[in-house]
Amino acid sequence: MRNEKRALCWAGTSEEFGTIEVRYPADGPMGSTTARVLGSAIPTTLLIGWSLFDDKPRLTSAQLQVEGESVKLRRNPWAVSRKGRSLRMEYGGTEYRCRAVRRKRYVFTRPGLVVTVTQSGIGRKRRRVLVMIDGPAEPIDISLAVLFSGVNRAQLTLGGAFRTGFATILTFATDNTGRV
């Protein structure tokens, strides 16, 4: 079980969707790092991944679940464009896409809906998440969209993919003393 004092949390209230909370790291399988969304009127979503340096799960070999059901994930790690690098998801016959705009902004889409999520602030007490919805949103859309505020999205940008890959190689190349 993870130390709850170390867990980070985004929490807020929406008129339409009630209370929403994104927590990472959240409890999950042993040896994994997880992010979880809970809410009064939205389904619980969980992304299970792993992390080298921080408490946010990475997208590499990640598993996504909505109320315990698996969500199919696809992405092209070799793509150069942001659109090509986007994370594609399929759940309940609906195709979703998560695309990075900048380091602290991403866009979550499905046909007829665009959700833009912007993170701001530094320090635990000053962190904010702004969620802008364009189109009719369902509870599942909001749950999936805000989940990625607790996920390491670096691999959705080309520069972030290079940094992440380089950090992974260095981590596995070092011995216990930290020397290469």
Protein backbone atom coordinates (compact mmCIF):
# COMPACT_ATOMS: atom_id res chain seq x y z
CA MET A 1 0.00 0.00 0.00
CA ARG A 2 1.32 3.44 -0.93
CA ASN A 3 1.96 6.18 1.61
CA GLU A 4 -1.15 8.38 1.41
CA LYS A 5 0.83 11.40 2.66
CA ARG A 6 2.92 11.24 -0.53
CA ALA A 7 -0.11 10.88 -2.79
CA LEU A 8 -1.01 13.91 -4.87
CA CYS A 9 -4.58 14.79 -5.58
CA TRP A 10 -6.57 17.06 -7.88
CA ALA A 11 -10.08 17.52 -6.52
CA GLY A 12 -13.01 19.66 -7.56
CA THR A 13 -16.72 19.87 -8.04
CA SER A 14 -18.78 20.19 -11.20
CA GLU A 15 -22.47 21.10 -11.31
CA GLU A 16 -23.16 18.35 -13.82
CA PHE A 17 -20.71 15.65 -12.67
CA GLY A 18 -20.47 16.22 -8.90
CA THR A 19 -17.20 15.73 -7.02
CA ILE A 20 -14.19 14.57 -9.01
CA GLU A 21 -10.84 13.46 -7.58
CA VAL A 22 -7.65 12.41 -9.38
CA ARG A 23 -5.16 10.66 -7.09
CA TYR A 24 -1.64 9.48 -7.88
CA PRO A 25 0.03 7.34 -6.87
CA ALA A 26 -3.01 5.30 -5.91
CA ASP A 27 -3.19 1.78 -4.57
CA GLY A 28 -2.63 -0.77 -7.28
CA PRO A 29 -0.84 -4.02 -8.04
CA MET A 30 2.54 -4.58 -6.36
CA GLY A 31 5.45 -3.11 -8.34
CA SER A 32 3.27 -0.71 -10.32
CA THR A 33 2.46 2.98 -10.22
CA THR A 34 -1.15 3.99 -10.65
CA ALA A 35 -3.44 6.96 -11.18
CA ARG A 36 -7.12 6.78 -10.22
CA VAL A 37 -10.20 8.96 -10.81
CA LEU A 38 -13.09 8.76 -8.39
CA GLY A 39 -16.29 10.76 -8.34
CA SER A 40 -19.85 10.93 -7.17
CA ALA A 41 -21.36 10.84 -10.68
CA ILE A 42 -18.52 9.49 -12.86
CA PRO A 43 -17.15 5.97 -13.26
CA THR A 44 -13.91 5.04 -11.48
CA THR A 45 -10.96 4.81 -13.87
CA LEU A 46 -7.52 3.40 -13.14
CA LEU A 47 -4.32 3.56 -15.17
CA ILE A 48 -1.70 1.02 -14.10
CA GLY A 49 1.85 1.61 -15.31
CA TRP A 50 5.30 1.99 -13.87
CA SER A 51 7.56 4.89 -13.13
CA LEU A 52 11.28 5.40 -12.67
CA PHE A 53 11.56 8.77 -10.98
CA ASP A 54 8.18 10.19 -10.05
CA ASP A 55 4.83 8.99 -8.81
CA LYS A 56 2.98 9.40 -12.09
CA PRO A 57 2.60 6.20 -14.14
CA ARG A 58 4.10 6.18 -17.63
CA LEU A 59 2.25 5.15 -20.78
CA THR A 60 4.74 2.40 -21.68
CA SER A 61 2.98 -0.95 -21.18
CA ALA A 62 0.16 0.79 -19.31
CA GLN A 63 -3.21 -0.81 -18.64
CA LEU A 64 -6.38 1.26 -18.41
CA GLN A 65 -9.55 0.15 -16.65
CA VAL A 66 -13.01 1.69 -16.30
CA GLU A 67 -15.00 0.17 -13.44
CA GLY A 68 -12.74 -2.91 -13.70
CA GLU A 69 -13.21 -3.34 -17.48
CA SER A 70 -10.14 -3.10 -19.72
CA VAL A 71 -9.80 -0.28 -22.22
CA LYS A 72 -7.86 -0.98 -25.40
CA LEU A 73 -4.83 1.39 -25.72
CA ARG A 74 -2.74 2.09 -28.84
CA ARG A 75 -0.03 4.58 -29.69
CA ASN A 76 2.76 4.84 -32.24
CA PRO A 77 6.02 5.43 -30.33
CA TRP A 78 7.88 6.05 -33.62
CA ALA A 79 5.60 8.83 -34.93
CA VAL A 80 7.09 12.30 -35.29
CA SER A 81 3.97 14.49 -35.22
CA ARG A 82 1.90 15.12 -32.06
CA LYS A 83 -1.19 13.79 -33.79
CA GLY A 84 0.67 10.62 -34.74
CA ARG A 85 2.04 10.20 -31.20
CA SER A 86 -1.39 10.58 -29.57
CA LEU A 87 -2.77 7.86 -27.35
CA ARG A 88 -5.78 6.15 -28.89
CA MET A 89 -8.32 4.34 -26.72
CA GLU A 90 -11.38 2.25 -27.44
CA TYR A 91 -14.08 1.68 -24.84
CA GLY A 92 -17.70 0.70 -25.31
CA GLY A 93 -17.41 1.03 -29.10
CA THR A 94 -16.23 4.65 -28.85
CA GLU A 95 -12.81 5.84 -30.05
CA TYR A 96 -11.01 8.34 -27.83
CA ARG A 97 -7.74 10.19 -28.36
CA CYS A 98 -5.39 11.99 -25.93
CA ARG A 99 -2.94 14.40 -27.59
CA ALA A 100 -0.33 16.59 -25.92
CA VAL A 101 -0.43 20.31 -26.72
CA ARG A 102 2.31 21.39 -24.33
CA ARG A 103 3.90 19.92 -21.22
CA LYS A 104 1.00 21.02 -19.00
CA ARG A 105 -1.83 20.98 -21.54
CA TYR A 106 -3.49 18.16 -23.41
CA VAL A 107 -6.60 17.58 -25.48
CA PHE A 108 -8.90 14.60 -25.03
CA THR A 109 -11.32 13.93 -27.89
CA ARG A 110 -14.01 11.63 -29.19
CA PRO A 111 -16.39 12.28 -32.09
CA GLY A 112 -18.43 15.36 -31.15
CA LEU A 113 -16.42 16.24 -28.04
CA VAL A 114 -13.19 18.09 -27.24
CA VAL A 115 -11.95 18.36 -23.64
CA THR A 116 -8.93 20.62 -23.07
CA VAL A 117 -7.13 20.12 -19.77
CA THR A 118 -4.59 22.68 -18.54
CA GLN A 119 -2.50 22.22 -15.41
CA SER A 120 -0.92 25.20 -13.65
CA GLY A 121 0.87 26.17 -10.48
CA ILE A 122 3.73 24.74 -8.52
CA GLY A 123 3.73 23.40 -5.01
CA ARG A 124 1.02 21.23 -3.49
CA LYS A 125 -1.34 24.05 -2.49
CA ARG A 126 -1.11 26.07 -5.71
CA ARG A 127 -1.72 23.32 -8.26
CA ARG A 128 -4.80 23.75 -10.41
CA VAL A 129 -6.46 21.88 -13.25
CA LEU A 130 -8.74 23.74 -15.67
CA VAL A 131 -11.07 21.53 -17.71
CA MET A 132 -12.76 23.13 -20.74
CA ILE A 133 -15.48 21.08 -22.44
CA ASP A 134 -16.64 21.71 -26.00
CA GLY A 135 -19.58 19.46 -26.85
CA PRO A 136 -21.97 17.19 -24.98
CA ALA A 137 -19.98 15.21 -22.39
CA GLU A 138 -20.91 11.94 -20.69
CA PRO A 139 -19.55 10.88 -17.27
CA ILE A 140 -17.17 8.38 -18.89
CA ASP A 141 -15.70 11.16 -21.05
CA ILE A 142 -14.89 13.31 -18.02
CA SER A 143 -13.48 10.40 -16.04
CA LEU A 144 -11.11 9.41 -18.86
CA ALA A 145 -10.19 13.02 -19.71
CA VAL A 146 -9.16 14.09 -16.21
CA LEU A 147 -7.33 10.82 -15.51
CA PHE A 148 -4.41 11.94 -17.68
CA SER A 149 -3.69 14.89 -15.36
CA GLY A 150 -2.24 12.22 -13.04
CA VAL A 151 -0.28 10.41 -15.75
CA ASN A 152 3.20 11.09 -17.15
CA ARG A 153 2.32 12.20 -20.71
CA ALA A 154 5.90 12.96 -21.80
CA GLN A 155 5.85 10.19 -24.38
CA LEU A 156 3.09 11.95 -26.29
CA THR A 157 5.63 14.57 -27.47
CA LEU A 158 8.75 13.81 -29.49
CA GLY A 159 11.06 15.67 -27.09
CA GLY A 160 9.48 13.99 -24.09
CA ALA A 161 9.88 10.59 -25.74
CA PHE A 162 13.62 11.23 -26.24
CA ARG A 163 14.04 12.32 -22.62
CA THR A 164 12.02 9.38 -21.31
CA GLY A 165 13.90 6.87 -23.46
CA PHE A 166 17.26 8.33 -22.51
CA ALA A 167 16.38 8.28 -18.80
CA THR A 168 15.25 4.66 -19.08
CA ILE A 169 18.47 3.59 -20.78
CA LEU A 170 20.60 5.41 -18.19
CA THR A 171 18.65 3.90 -15.32
CA PHE A 172 19.15 0.35 -16.57
CA ALA A 173 22.79 1.01 -17.49
CA THR A 174 23.82 2.12 -14.00
CA ASP A 175 24.84 -0.21 -11.20
CA ASN A 176 23.88 0.18 -7.55
CA THR A 177 26.46 2.93 -7.01
CA GLY A 178 24.84 5.12 -9.67
CA ARG A 179 27.85 4.96 -12.01
CA VAL A 180 27.49 4.15 -15.70
